Each structure stands twice: as C-alpha cells, then as structure tokens.
Amino acid sequence: MTNERRVECPDCLGKGGISKDYMGGHLTMDCRRCGKTGRIPVVMFEWIAKGKSLTGMRQNMDRSLREMAKQMGIEPLALHDAEHGYVDPTSVWDLPGWEFP
C-alpha cells in the first residue's frame, strides 16, 4: 500500500489522533485507522463501505459479533476489524457463516 494515493483519514480528520472530552477530563488517542499519519489509502474507503454491509448482514442474521466470529472460526477482533474497514472485509467473505448473493 506504500505507493497508493492517500487521502485524509475520516476518523481523525488528518490530525493523526483523536481528542475527546471524557468524564470531566480530556482524552487523546493515536488514530488506529491511519496509524498516526493522518492519511489512509483511497481503497480503505471501499473497505469501510463493505464493512458496513457486513455489519448489516450479521445484524439481519440476528447474531452478535462474538457469536458470528465463533461460527466463522475467527477471533471477534478480526471480524470487528473487517466490519469497520480496518482491513479488507473480503478477508472474511469466504469463511463459513456468511451467505453472500
């Protein structure tokens, strides 16, 4: 992905980190999506959209993320990352449990 065109990260808005007021204090975290660079490969926007579709399909099957991951034989974090577009969601499409048109 190093030679791909990169655009502003939608999570941190190009800042490389996310700041939130939390419980009367201020919390600052490094951006997980862009790895603190503020930029992501353009293809990641496609991953985000596909991941939302995966989430919708899982919810239509009335399964929790943990239940679905167990059925698929993967860790819940792997499914979470696919559903949120941190990784290419097609990485889980061929696993048992998903029924794609």
PDB file of N, CA and C in Angstrom:
ATOM      1  N   MET A   1       0.812  -1.200   0.000  1.00  0.00           N
ATOM      2  CA  MET A   1       0.000   0.000   0.000  1.00  0.00           C
ATOM      3  C   MET A   1       0.855   1.263   0.000  1.00  0.00           C
ATOM      4  N   THR A   2       2.147   1.149   0.023  1.00  0.00           N
ATOM      5  CA  THR A   2       3.000   2.319   0.157  1.00  0.00           C
ATOM      6  C   THR A   2       2.969   3.239  -1.048  1.00  0.00           C
ATOM      7  N   ASN A   3       2.684   2.712  -2.251  1.00  0.00           N
ATOM      8  CA  ASN A   3       2.670   3.541  -3.447  1.00  0.00           C
ATOM      9  C   ASN A   3       1.283   4.039  -3.817  1.00  0.00           C
ATOM     10  N   GLU A   4       0.289   3.703  -3.013  1.00  0.00           N
ATOM     11  CA  GLU A   4      -1.071   4.115  -3.322  1.00  0.00           C
ATOM     12  C   GLU A   4      -1.310   5.564  -2.948  1.00  0.00           C
ATOM     13  N   ARG A   5      -2.238   6.163  -3.668  1.00  0.00           N
ATOM     14  CA  ARG A   5      -2.640   7.535  -3.346  1.00  0.00           C
ATOM     15  C   ARG A   5      -3.319   7.539  -1.991  1.00  0.00           C
ATOM     16  N   ARG A   6      -2.983   8.494  -1.172  1.00  0.00           N
ATOM     17  CA  ARG A   6      -3.543   8.584   0.177  1.00  0.00           C
ATOM     18  C   ARG A   6      -4.361   9.859   0.311  1.00  0.00           C
ATOM     19  N   VAL A   7      -5.379   9.764   1.151  1.00  0.00           N
ATOM     20  CA  VAL A   7      -6.272  10.894   1.403  1.00  0.00           C
ATOM     21  C   VAL A   7      -6.437  11.074   2.912  1.00  0.00           C
ATOM     22  N   GLU A   8      -7.076  12.141   3.292  1.00  0.00           N
ATOM     23  CA  GLU A   8      -7.278  12.436   4.709  1.00  0.00           C
ATOM     24  C   GLU A   8      -8.071  11.340   5.408  1.00  0.00           C
ATOM     25  N   CYS A   9      -7.605  10.956   6.574  1.00  0.00           N
ATOM     26  CA  CYS A   9      -8.274   9.930   7.366  1.00  0.00           C
ATOM     27  C   CYS A   9      -9.628  10.459   7.860  1.00  0.00           C
ATOM     28  N   PRO A  10     -10.716   9.690   7.665  1.00  0.00           N
ATOM     29  CA  PRO A  10     -12.021  10.146   8.106  1.00  0.00           C
ATOM     30  C   PRO A  10     -12.221  10.080   9.623  1.00  0.00           C
ATOM     31  N   ASP A  11     -11.398   9.296  10.306  1.00  0.00           N
ATOM     32  CA  ASP A  11     -11.560   9.163  11.754  1.00  0.00           C
ATOM     33  C   ASP A  11     -10.938  10.342  12.508  1.00  0.00           C
ATOM     34  N   CYS A  12      -9.708  10.705  12.140  1.00  0.00           N
ATOM     35  CA  CYS A  12      -9.013  11.785  12.867  1.00  0.00           C
ATOM     36  C   CYS A  12      -8.991  13.090  12.088  1.00  0.00           C
ATOM     37  N   LEU A  13      -9.567  13.088  10.896  1.00  0.00           N
ATOM     38  CA  LEU A  13      -9.615  14.266  10.026  1.00  0.00           C
ATOM     39  C   LEU A  13      -8.225  14.814   9.728  1.00  0.00           C
ATOM     40  N   GLY A  14      -7.279  13.885   9.529  1.00  0.00           N
ATOM     41  CA  GLY A  14      -5.932  14.260   9.139  1.00  0.00           C
ATOM     42  C   GLY A  14      -5.015  14.675  10.271  1.00  0.00           C
ATOM     43  N   LYS A  15      -5.485  14.594  11.504  1.00  0.00           N
ATOM     44  CA  LYS A  15      -4.687  15.043  12.647  1.00  0.00           C
ATOM     45  C   LYS A  15      -3.788  13.956  13.228  1.00  0.00           C
ATOM     46  N   GLY A  16      -4.032  12.697  12.882  1.00  0.00           N
ATOM     47  CA  GLY A  16      -3.213  11.614  13.395  1.00  0.00           C
ATOM     48  C   GLY A  16      -3.615  11.140  14.780  1.00  0.00           C
ATOM     49  N   GLY A  17      -4.541  11.846  15.398  1.00  0.00           N
ATOM     50  CA  GLY A  17      -5.016  11.472  16.722  1.00  0.00           C
ATOM     51  C   GLY A  17      -6.437  11.952  16.922  1.00  0.00           C
ATOM     52  N   ILE A  18      -7.069  11.406  17.922  1.00  0.00           N
ATOM     53  CA  ILE A  18      -8.457  11.743  18.223  1.00  0.00           C
ATOM     54  C   ILE A  18      -8.525  12.258  19.651  1.00  0.00           C
ATOM     55  N   SER A  19      -9.133  13.418  19.828  1.00  0.00           N
ATOM     56  CA  SER A  19      -9.276  14.018  21.155  1.00  0.00           C
ATOM     57  C   SER A  19     -10.743  14.107  21.509  1.00  0.00           C
ATOM     58  N   LYS A  20     -11.053  13.741  22.732  1.00  0.00           N
ATOM     59  CA  LYS A  20     -12.446  13.767  23.212  1.00  0.00           C
ATOM     60  C   LYS A  20     -12.472  14.244  24.651  1.00  0.00           C
ATOM     61  N   ASP A  21     -13.509  14.988  24.994  1.00  0.00           N
ATOM     62  CA  ASP A  21     -13.772  15.272  26.398  1.00  0.00           C
ATOM     63  C   ASP A  21     -14.453  14.044  26.959  1.00  0.00           C
ATOM     64  N   TYR A  22     -13.943  13.555  28.081  1.00  0.00           N
ATOM     65  CA  TYR A  22     -14.449  12.302  28.623  1.00  0.00           C
ATOM     66  C   TYR A  22     -14.457  12.369  30.144  1.00  0.00           C
ATOM     67  N   MET A  23     -15.641  12.202  30.712  1.00  0.00           N
ATOM     68  CA  MET A  23     -15.819  12.150  32.162  1.00  0.00           C
ATOM     69  C   MET A  23     -15.111  13.308  32.883  1.00  0.00           C
ATOM     70  N   GLY A  24     -15.315  14.502  32.393  1.00  0.00           N
ATOM     71  CA  GLY A  24     -14.750  15.684  33.029  1.00  0.00           C
ATOM     72  C   GLY A  24     -13.295  15.942  32.713  1.00  0.00           C
ATOM     73  N   GLY A  25     -12.680  15.099  31.910  1.00  0.00           N
ATOM     74  CA  GLY A  25     -11.284  15.278  31.528  1.00  0.00           C
ATOM     75  C   GLY A  25     -11.148  15.280  30.028  1.00  0.00           C
ATOM     76  N   HIS A  26      -9.924  15.199  29.580  1.00  0.00           N
ATOM     77  CA  HIS A  26      -9.660  15.202  28.143  1.00  0.00           C
ATOM     78  C   HIS A  26      -8.834  13.973  27.794  1.00  0.00           C
ATOM     79  N   LEU A  27      -9.264  13.242  26.792  1.00  0.00           N
ATOM     80  CA  LEU A  27      -8.622  12.013  26.371  1.00  0.00           C
ATOM     81  C   LEU A  27      -8.090  12.192  24.952  1.00  0.00           C
ATOM     82  N   THR A  28      -6.834  11.876  24.731  1.00  0.00           N
ATOM     83  CA  THR A  28      -6.242  11.926  23.401  1.00  0.00           C
ATOM     84  C   THR A  28      -5.687  10.548  23.081  1.00  0.00           C
ATOM     85  N   MET A  29      -6.040  10.040  21.905  1.00  0.00           N
ATOM     86  CA  MET A  29      -5.588   8.715  21.475  1.00  0.00           C
ATOM     87  C   MET A  29      -5.008   8.818  20.070  1.00  0.00           C
ATOM     88  N   ASP A  30      -4.011   7.970  19.791  1.00  0.00           N
ATOM     89  CA  ASP A  30      -3.499   7.870  18.433  1.00  0.00           C
ATOM     90  C   ASP A  30      -4.587   7.272  17.558  1.00  0.00           C
ATOM     91  N   CYS A  31      -4.659   7.705  16.321  1.00  0.00           N
ATOM     92  CA  CYS A  31      -5.660   7.182  15.394  1.00  0.00           C
ATOM     93  C   CYS A  31      -5.255   5.792  14.926  1.00  0.00           C
ATOM     94  N   ARG A  32      -6.118   4.839  15.171  1.00  0.00           N
ATOM     95  CA  ARG A  32      -5.851   3.456  14.785  1.00  0.00           C
ATOM     96  C   ARG A  32      -5.939   3.254  13.274  1.00  0.00           C
ATOM     97  N   ARG A  33      -6.874   3.944  12.631  1.00  0.00           N
ATOM     98  CA  ARG A  33      -7.080   3.728  11.196  1.00  0.00           C
ATOM     99  C   ARG A  33      -5.863   4.155  10.375  1.00  0.00           C
ATOM    100  N   CYS A  34      -5.308   5.298  10.667  1.00  0.00           N
ATOM    101  CA  CYS A  34      -4.204   5.813   9.842  1.00  0.00           C
ATOM    102  C   CYS A  34      -2.827   5.602  10.469  1.00  0.00           C
ATOM    103  N   GLY A  35      -2.787   5.077  11.682  1.00  0.00           N
ATOM    104  CA  GLY A  35      -1.505   4.853  12.333  1.00  0.00           C
ATOM    105  C   GLY A  35      -0.755   6.142  12.625  1.00  0.00           C
ATOM    106  N   LYS A  36      -1.486   7.169  13.016  1.00  0.00           N
ATOM    107  CA  LYS A  36      -0.962   8.489  13.395  1.00  0.00           C
ATOM    108  C   LYS A  36      -0.450   9.327  12.226  1.00  0.00           C
ATOM    109  N   THR A  37      -0.685   8.888  10.979  1.00  0.00           N
ATOM    110  CA  THR A  37      -0.178   9.647   9.831  1.00  0.00           C
ATOM    111  C   THR A  37      -1.164  10.701   9.347  1.00  0.00           C
ATOM    112  N   GLY A  38      -2.445  10.511   9.668  1.00  0.00           N
ATOM    113  CA  GLY A  38      -3.465  11.428   9.179  1.00  0.00           C
ATOM    114  C   GLY A  38      -3.919  11.129   7.764  1.00  0.00           C
ATOM    115  N   ARG A  39      -3.327  10.117   7.124  1.00  0.00           N
ATOM    116  CA  ARG A  39      -3.641   9.773   5.735  1.00  0.00           C
ATOM    117  C   ARG A  39      -3.905   8.275   5.631  1.00  0.00           C
ATOM    118  N   ILE A  40      -4.834   7.911   4.756  1.00  0.00           N
ATOM    119  CA  ILE A  40      -5.142   6.498   4.502  1.00  0.00           C
ATOM    120  C   ILE A  40      -5.175   6.249   3.000  1.00  0.00           C
ATOM    121  N   PRO A  41      -4.944   4.992   2.585  1.00  0.00           N
ATOM    122  CA  PRO A  41      -5.083   4.666   1.160  1.00  0.00           C
ATOM    123  C   PRO A  41      -6.540   4.852   0.725  1.00  0.00           C
ATOM    124  N   VAL A  42      -6.736   5.311  -0.476  1.00  0.00           N
ATOM    125  CA  VAL A  42      -8.089   5.541  -1.011  1.00  0.00           C
ATOM    126  C   VAL A  42      -8.937   4.275  -0.911  1.00  0.00           C
ATOM    127  N   VAL A  43      -8.321   3.103  -1.123  1.00  0.00           N
ATOM    128  CA  VAL A  43      -9.060   1.844  -1.102  1.00  0.00           C
ATOM    129  C   VAL A  43      -9.721   1.606   0.255  1.00  0.00           C
ATOM    130  N   MET A  44      -9.216   2.209   1.304  1.00  0.00           N
ATOM    131  CA  MET A  44      -9.788   1.988   2.627  1.00  0.00           C
ATOM    132  C   MET A  44     -11.234   2.508   2.710  1.00  0.00           C
ATOM    133  N   PHE A  45     -11.590   3.514   1.904  1.00  0.00           N
ATOM    134  CA  PHE A  45     -12.981   3.975   1.884  1.00  0.00           C
ATOM    135  C   PHE A  45     -13.905   2.870   1.373  1.00  0.00           C
ATOM    136  N   GLU A  46     -13.420   2.091   0.404  1.00  0.00           N
ATOM    137  CA  GLU A  46     -14.192   0.945  -0.088  1.00  0.00           C
ATOM    138  C   GLU A  46     -14.322  -0.102   1.020  1.00  0.00           C
ATOM    139  N   TRP A  47     -13.258  -0.331   1.767  1.00  0.00           N
ATOM    140  CA  TRP A  47     -13.292  -1.287   2.876  1.00  0.00           C
ATOM    141  C   TRP A  47     -14.321  -0.864   3.914  1.00  0.00           C
ATOM    142  N   ILE A  48     -14.387   0.444   4.195  1.00  0.00           N
ATOM    143  CA  ILE A  48     -15.337   0.952   5.191  1.00  0.00           C
ATOM    144  C   ILE A  48     -16.766   0.671   4.728  1.00  0.00           C
ATOM    145  N   ALA A  49     -17.046   0.943   3.459  1.00  0.00           N
ATOM    146  CA  ALA A  49     -18.400   0.703   2.920  1.00  0.00           C
ATOM    147  C   ALA A  49     -18.747  -0.784   2.935  1.00  0.00           C
ATOM    148  N   LYS A  50     -17.819  -1.633   2.506  1.00  0.00           N
ATOM    149  CA  LYS A  50     -18.070  -3.076   2.509  1.00  0.00           C
ATOM    150  C   LYS A  50     -18.254  -3.582   3.938  1.00  0.00           C
ATOM    151  N   GLY A  51     -17.476  -3.041   4.848  1.00  0.00           N
ATOM    152  CA  GLY A  51     -17.583  -3.444   6.251  1.00  0.00           C
ATOM    153  C   GLY A  51     -18.947  -3.123   6.831  1.00  0.00           C
ATOM    154  N   LYS A  52     -19.498  -1.968   6.449  1.00  0.00           N
ATOM    155  CA  LYS A  52     -20.841  -1.614   6.922  1.00  0.00           C
ATOM    156  C   LYS A  52     -21.865  -2.611   6.394  1.00  0.00           C
ATOM    157  N   SER A  53     -21.659  -3.088   5.166  1.00  0.00           N
ATOM    158  CA  SER A  53     -22.562  -4.111   4.604  1.00  0.00           C
ATOM    159  C   SER A  53     -22.472  -5.403   5.408  1.00  0.00           C
ATOM    160  N   LEU A  54     -21.236  -5.775   5.789  1.00  0.00           N
ATOM    161  CA  LEU A  54     -21.067  -6.982   6.600  1.00  0.00           C
ATOM    162  C   LEU A  54     -21.799  -6.855   7.928  1.00  0.00           C
ATOM    163  N   THR A  55     -21.673  -5.699   8.544  1.00  0.00           N
ATOM    164  CA  THR A  55     -22.353  -5.464   9.822  1.00  0.00           C
ATOM    165  C   THR A  55     -23.861  -5.619   9.656  1.00  0.00           C
ATOM    166  N   GLY A  56     -24.400  -5.013   8.601  1.00  0.00           N
ATOM    167  CA  GLY A  56     -25.832  -5.101   8.346  1.00  0.00           C
ATOM    168  C   GLY A  56     -26.289  -6.526   8.118  1.00  0.00           C
ATOM    169  N   MET A  57     -25.497  -7.297   7.370  1.00  0.00           N
ATOM    170  CA  MET A  57     -25.865  -8.698   7.119  1.00  0.00           C
ATOM    171  C   MET A  57     -25.836  -9.503   8.414  1.00  0.00           C
ATOM    172  N   ARG A  58     -24.819  -9.273   9.233  1.00  0.00           N
ATOM    173  CA  ARG A  58     -24.735 -10.000  10.503  1.00  0.00           C
ATOM    174  C   ARG A  58     -25.921  -9.653  11.396  1.00  0.00           C
ATOM    175  N   GLN A  59     -26.251  -8.382  11.453  1.00  0.00           N
ATOM    176  CA  GLN A  59     -27.383  -7.954  12.284  1.00  0.00           C
ATOM    177  C   GLN A  59     -28.695  -8.509  11.755  1.00  0.00           C
ATOM    178  N   ASN A  60     -28.842  -8.596  10.434  1.00  0.00           N
ATOM    179  CA  ASN A  60     -30.050  -9.193   9.851  1.00  0.00           C
ATOM    180  C   ASN A  60     -30.158 -10.674  10.183  1.00  0.00           C
ATOM    181  N   MET A  61     -29.008 -11.306  10.426  1.00  0.00           N
ATOM    182  CA  MET A  61     -28.997 -12.716  10.834  1.00  0.00           C
ATOM    183  C   MET A  61     -29.228 -12.842  12.338  1.00  0.00           C
ATOM    184  N   ASP A  62     -29.391 -11.710  13.010  1.00  0.00           N
ATOM    185  CA  ASP A  62     -29.639 -11.651  14.459  1.00  0.00           C
ATOM    186  C   ASP A  62     -28.534 -12.349  15.253  1.00  0.00           C
ATOM    187  N   ARG A  63     -27.285 -12.027  14.881  1.00  0.00           N
ATOM    188  CA  ARG A  63     -26.136 -12.604  15.588  1.00  0.00           C
ATOM    189  C   ARG A  63     -25.263 -11.481  16.135  1.00  0.00           C
ATOM    190  N   SER A  64     -24.754 -11.707  17.331  1.00  0.00           N
ATOM    191  CA  SER A  64     -23.795 -10.756  17.890  1.00  0.00           C
ATOM    192  C   SER A  64     -22.464 -10.943  17.170  1.00  0.00           C
ATOM    193  N   LEU A  65     -21.600  -9.979  17.328  1.00  0.00           N
ATOM    194  CA  LEU A  65     -20.286 -10.077  16.721  1.00  0.00           C
ATOM    195  C   LEU A  65     -19.545 -11.302  17.259  1.00  0.00           C
ATOM    196  N   ARG A  66     -19.620 -11.518  18.563  1.00  0.00           N
ATOM    197  CA  ARG A  66     -18.950 -12.678  19.164  1.00  0.00           C
ATOM    198  C   ARG A  66     -19.509 -14.002  18.632  1.00  0.00           C
ATOM    199  N   GLU A  67     -20.837 -14.084  18.537  1.00  0.00           N
ATOM    200  CA  GLU A  67     -21.461 -15.311  18.028  1.00  0.00           C
ATOM    201  C   GLU A  67     -21.024 -15.585  16.586  1.00  0.00           C
ATOM    202  N   MET A  68     -21.036 -14.547  15.771  1.00  0.00           N
ATOM    203  CA  MET A  68     -20.693 -14.713  14.365  1.00  0.00           C
ATOM    204  C   MET A  68     -19.229 -15.105  14.209  1.00  0.00           C
ATOM    205  N   ALA A  69     -18.364 -14.458  14.971  1.00  0.00           N
ATOM    206  CA  ALA A  69     -16.934 -14.784  14.898  1.00  0.00           C
ATOM    207  C   ALA A  69     -16.697 -16.239  15.293  1.00  0.00           C
ATOM    208  N   LYS A  70     -17.384 -16.683  16.328  1.00  0.00           N
ATOM    209  CA  LYS A  70     -17.234 -18.079  16.768  1.00  0.00           C
ATOM    210  C   LYS A  70     -17.686 -19.026  15.670  1.00  0.00           C
ATOM    211  N   GLN A  71     -18.824 -18.732  15.048  1.00  0.00           N
ATOM    212  CA  GLN A  71     -19.334 -19.569  13.963  1.00  0.00           C
ATOM    213  C   GLN A  71     -18.357 -19.611  12.795  1.00  0.00           C
ATOM    214  N   MET A  72     -17.676 -18.492  12.554  1.00  0.00           N
ATOM    215  CA  MET A  72     -16.741 -18.392  11.435  1.00  0.00           C
ATOM    216  C   MET A  72     -15.364 -18.960  11.774  1.00  0.00           C
ATOM    217  N   GLY A  73     -15.121 -19.206  13.062  1.00  0.00           N
ATOM    218  CA  GLY A  73     -13.832 -19.736  13.470  1.00  0.00           C
ATOM    219  C   GLY A  73     -12.721 -18.707  13.510  1.00  0.00           C
ATOM    220  N   ILE A  74     -13.093 -17.435  13.767  1.00  0.00           N
ATOM    221  CA  ILE A  74     -12.098 -16.367  13.857  1.00  0.00           C
ATOM    222  C   ILE A  74     -12.272 -15.621  15.174  1.00  0.00           C
ATOM    223  N   GLU A  75     -11.296 -14.830  15.522  1.00  0.00           N
ATOM    224  CA  GLU A  75     -11.375 -14.008  16.724  1.00  0.00           C
ATOM    225  C   GLU A  75     -12.363 -12.863  16.504  1.00  0.00           C
ATOM    226  N   PRO A  76     -13.087 -12.465  17.545  1.00  0.00           N
ATOM    227  CA  PRO A  76     -14.004 -11.335  17.409  1.00  0.00           C
ATOM    228  C   PRO A  76     -13.326 -10.064  16.885  1.00  0.00           C
ATOM    229  N   LEU A  77     -12.072  -9.831  17.280  1.00  0.00           N
ATOM    230  CA  LEU A  77     -11.370  -8.638  16.808  1.00  0.00           C
ATOM    231  C   LEU A  77     -11.162  -8.669  15.295  1.00  0.00           C
ATOM    232  N   ALA A  78     -10.931  -9.847  14.729  1.00  0.00           N
ATOM    233  CA  ALA A  78     -10.761  -9.959  13.281  1.00  0.00           C
ATOM    234  C   ALA A  78     -12.053  -9.574  12.555  1.00  0.00           C
ATOM    235  N   LEU A  79     -13.187 -10.016  13.082  1.00  0.00           N
ATOM    236  CA  LEU A  79     -14.472  -9.651  12.482  1.00  0.00           C
ATOM    237  C   LEU A  79     -14.754  -8.169  12.686  1.00  0.00           C
ATOM    238  N   HIS A  80     -14.470  -7.653  13.873  1.00  0.00           N
ATOM    239  CA  HIS A  80     -14.642  -6.224  14.151  1.00  0.00           C
ATOM    240  C   HIS A  80     -13.844  -5.392  13.149  1.00  0.00           C
ATOM    241  N   ASP A  81     -12.572  -5.765  12.954  1.00  0.00           N
ATOM    242  CA  ASP A  81     -11.722  -5.002  12.038  1.00  0.00           C
ATOM    243  C   ASP A  81     -12.254  -5.034  10.612  1.00  0.00           C
ATOM    244  N   ALA A  82     -12.803  -6.184  10.182  1.00  0.00           N
ATOM    245  CA  ALA A  82     -13.388  -6.286   8.841  1.00  0.00           C
ATOM    246  C   ALA A  82     -14.653  -5.439   8.740  1.00  0.00           C
ATOM    247  N   GLU A  83     -15.494  -5.483   9.771  1.00  0.00           N
ATOM    248  CA  GLU A  83     -16.747  -4.715   9.752  1.00  0.00           C
ATOM    249  C   GLU A  83     -16.498  -3.205   9.790  1.00  0.00           C
ATOM    250  N   HIS A  84     -15.388  -2.787  10.372  1.00  0.00           N
ATOM    251  CA  HIS A  84     -15.097  -1.352  10.480  1.00  0.00           C
ATOM    252  C   HIS A  84     -14.112  -0.861   9.423  1.00  0.00           C
ATOM    253  N   GLY A  85     -13.718  -1.738   8.508  1.00  0.00           N
ATOM    254  CA  GLY A  85     -12.864  -1.329   7.401  1.00  0.00           C
ATOM    255  C   GLY A  85     -11.414  -1.078   7.776  1.00  0.00           C
ATOM    256  N   TYR A  86     -10.966  -1.622   8.897  1.00  0.00           N
ATOM    257  CA  TYR A  86      -9.552  -1.514   9.242  1.00  0.00           C
ATOM    258  C   TYR A  86      -8.723  -2.465   8.383  1.00  0.00           C
ATOM    259  N   VAL A  87      -9.350  -3.536   7.916  1.00  0.00           N
ATOM    260  CA  VAL A  87      -8.741  -4.491   6.993  1.00  0.00           C
ATOM    261  C   VAL A  87      -9.734  -4.721   5.861  1.00  0.00           C
ATOM    262  N   ASP A  88      -9.267  -5.304   4.784  1.00  0.00           N
ATOM    263  CA  ASP A  88     -10.132  -5.600   3.647  1.00  0.00           C
ATOM    264  C   ASP A  88     -11.190  -6.621   4.071  1.00  0.00           C
ATOM    265  N   PRO A  89     -12.476  -6.243   4.067  1.00  0.00           N
ATOM    266  CA  PRO A  89     -13.533  -7.155   4.502  1.00  0.00           C
ATOM    267  C   PRO A  89     -13.630  -8.435   3.687  1.00  0.00           C
ATOM    268  N   THR A  90     -13.104  -8.438   2.477  1.00  0.00           N
ATOM    269  CA  THR A  90     -13.162  -9.672   1.695  1.00  0.00           C
ATOM    270  C   THR A  90     -12.314 -10.763   2.335  1.00  0.00           C
ATOM    271  N   SER A  91     -11.481 -10.397   3.308  1.00  0.00           N
ATOM    272  CA  SER A  91     -10.670 -11.392   4.003  1.00  0.00           C
ATOM    273  C   SER A  91     -11.525 -12.362   4.820  1.00  0.00           C
ATOM    274  N   VAL A  92     -12.760 -11.998   5.125  1.00  0.00           N
ATOM    275  CA  VAL A  92     -13.641 -12.893   5.875  1.00  0.00           C
ATOM    276  C   VAL A  92     -14.793 -13.432   5.031  1.00  0.00           C
ATOM    277  N   TRP A  93     -14.923 -12.989   3.795  1.00  0.00           N
ATOM    278  CA  TRP A  93     -16.069 -13.385   2.978  1.00  0.00           C
ATOM    279  C   TRP A  93     -16.142 -14.869   2.684  1.00  0.00           C
ATOM    280  N   ASP A  94     -15.013 -15.535   2.579  1.00  0.00           N
ATOM    281  CA  ASP A  94     -15.024 -16.956   2.219  1.00  0.00           C
ATOM    282  C   ASP A  94     -15.113 -17.874   3.429  1.00  0.00           C
ATOM    283  N   LEU A  95     -15.241 -17.309   4.610  1.00  0.00           N
ATOM    284  CA  LEU A  95     -15.309 -18.122   5.818  1.00  0.00           C
ATOM    285  C   LEU A  95     -16.732 -18.617   6.044  1.00  0.00           C
ATOM    286  N   PRO A  96     -16.903 -19.758   6.734  1.00  0.00           N
ATOM    287  CA  PRO A  96     -18.239 -20.297   6.998  1.00  0.00           C
ATOM    288  C   PRO A  96     -19.085 -19.292   7.795  1.00  0.00           C
ATOM    289  N   GLY A  97     -20.341 -19.233   7.474  1.00  0.00           N
ATOM    290  CA  GLY A  97     -21.253 -18.366   8.213  1.00  0.00           C
ATOM    291  C   GLY A  97     -21.818 -17.228   7.390  1.00  0.00           C
ATOM    292  N   TRP A  98     -21.077 -16.760   6.416  1.00  0.00           N
ATOM    293  CA  TRP A  98     -21.578 -15.678   5.572  1.00  0.00           C
ATOM    294  C   TRP A  98     -22.280 -16.255   4.362  1.00  0.00           C
ATOM    295  N   GLU A  99     -23.390 -15.675   4.031  1.00  0.00           N
ATOM    296  CA  GLU A  99     -24.125 -16.072   2.820  1.00  0.00           C
ATOM    297  C   GLU A  99     -24.236 -14.830   1.953  1.00  0.00           C
ATOM    298  N   PHE A 100     -23.428 -14.778   0.904  1.00  0.00           N
ATOM    299  CA  PHE A 100     -23.421 -13.619   0.018  1.00  0.00           C
ATOM    300  C   PHE A 100     -24.184 -13.927  -1.248  1.00  0.00           C
ATOM    301  N   PRO A 101     -24.841 -12.914  -1.776  1.00  0.00           N
ATOM    302  CA  PRO A 101     -25.585 -13.125  -3.031  1.00  0.00           C
ATOM    303  C   PRO A 101     -24.656 -13.397  -4.196  1.00  0.00           C
TER     304      PRO A 101
END
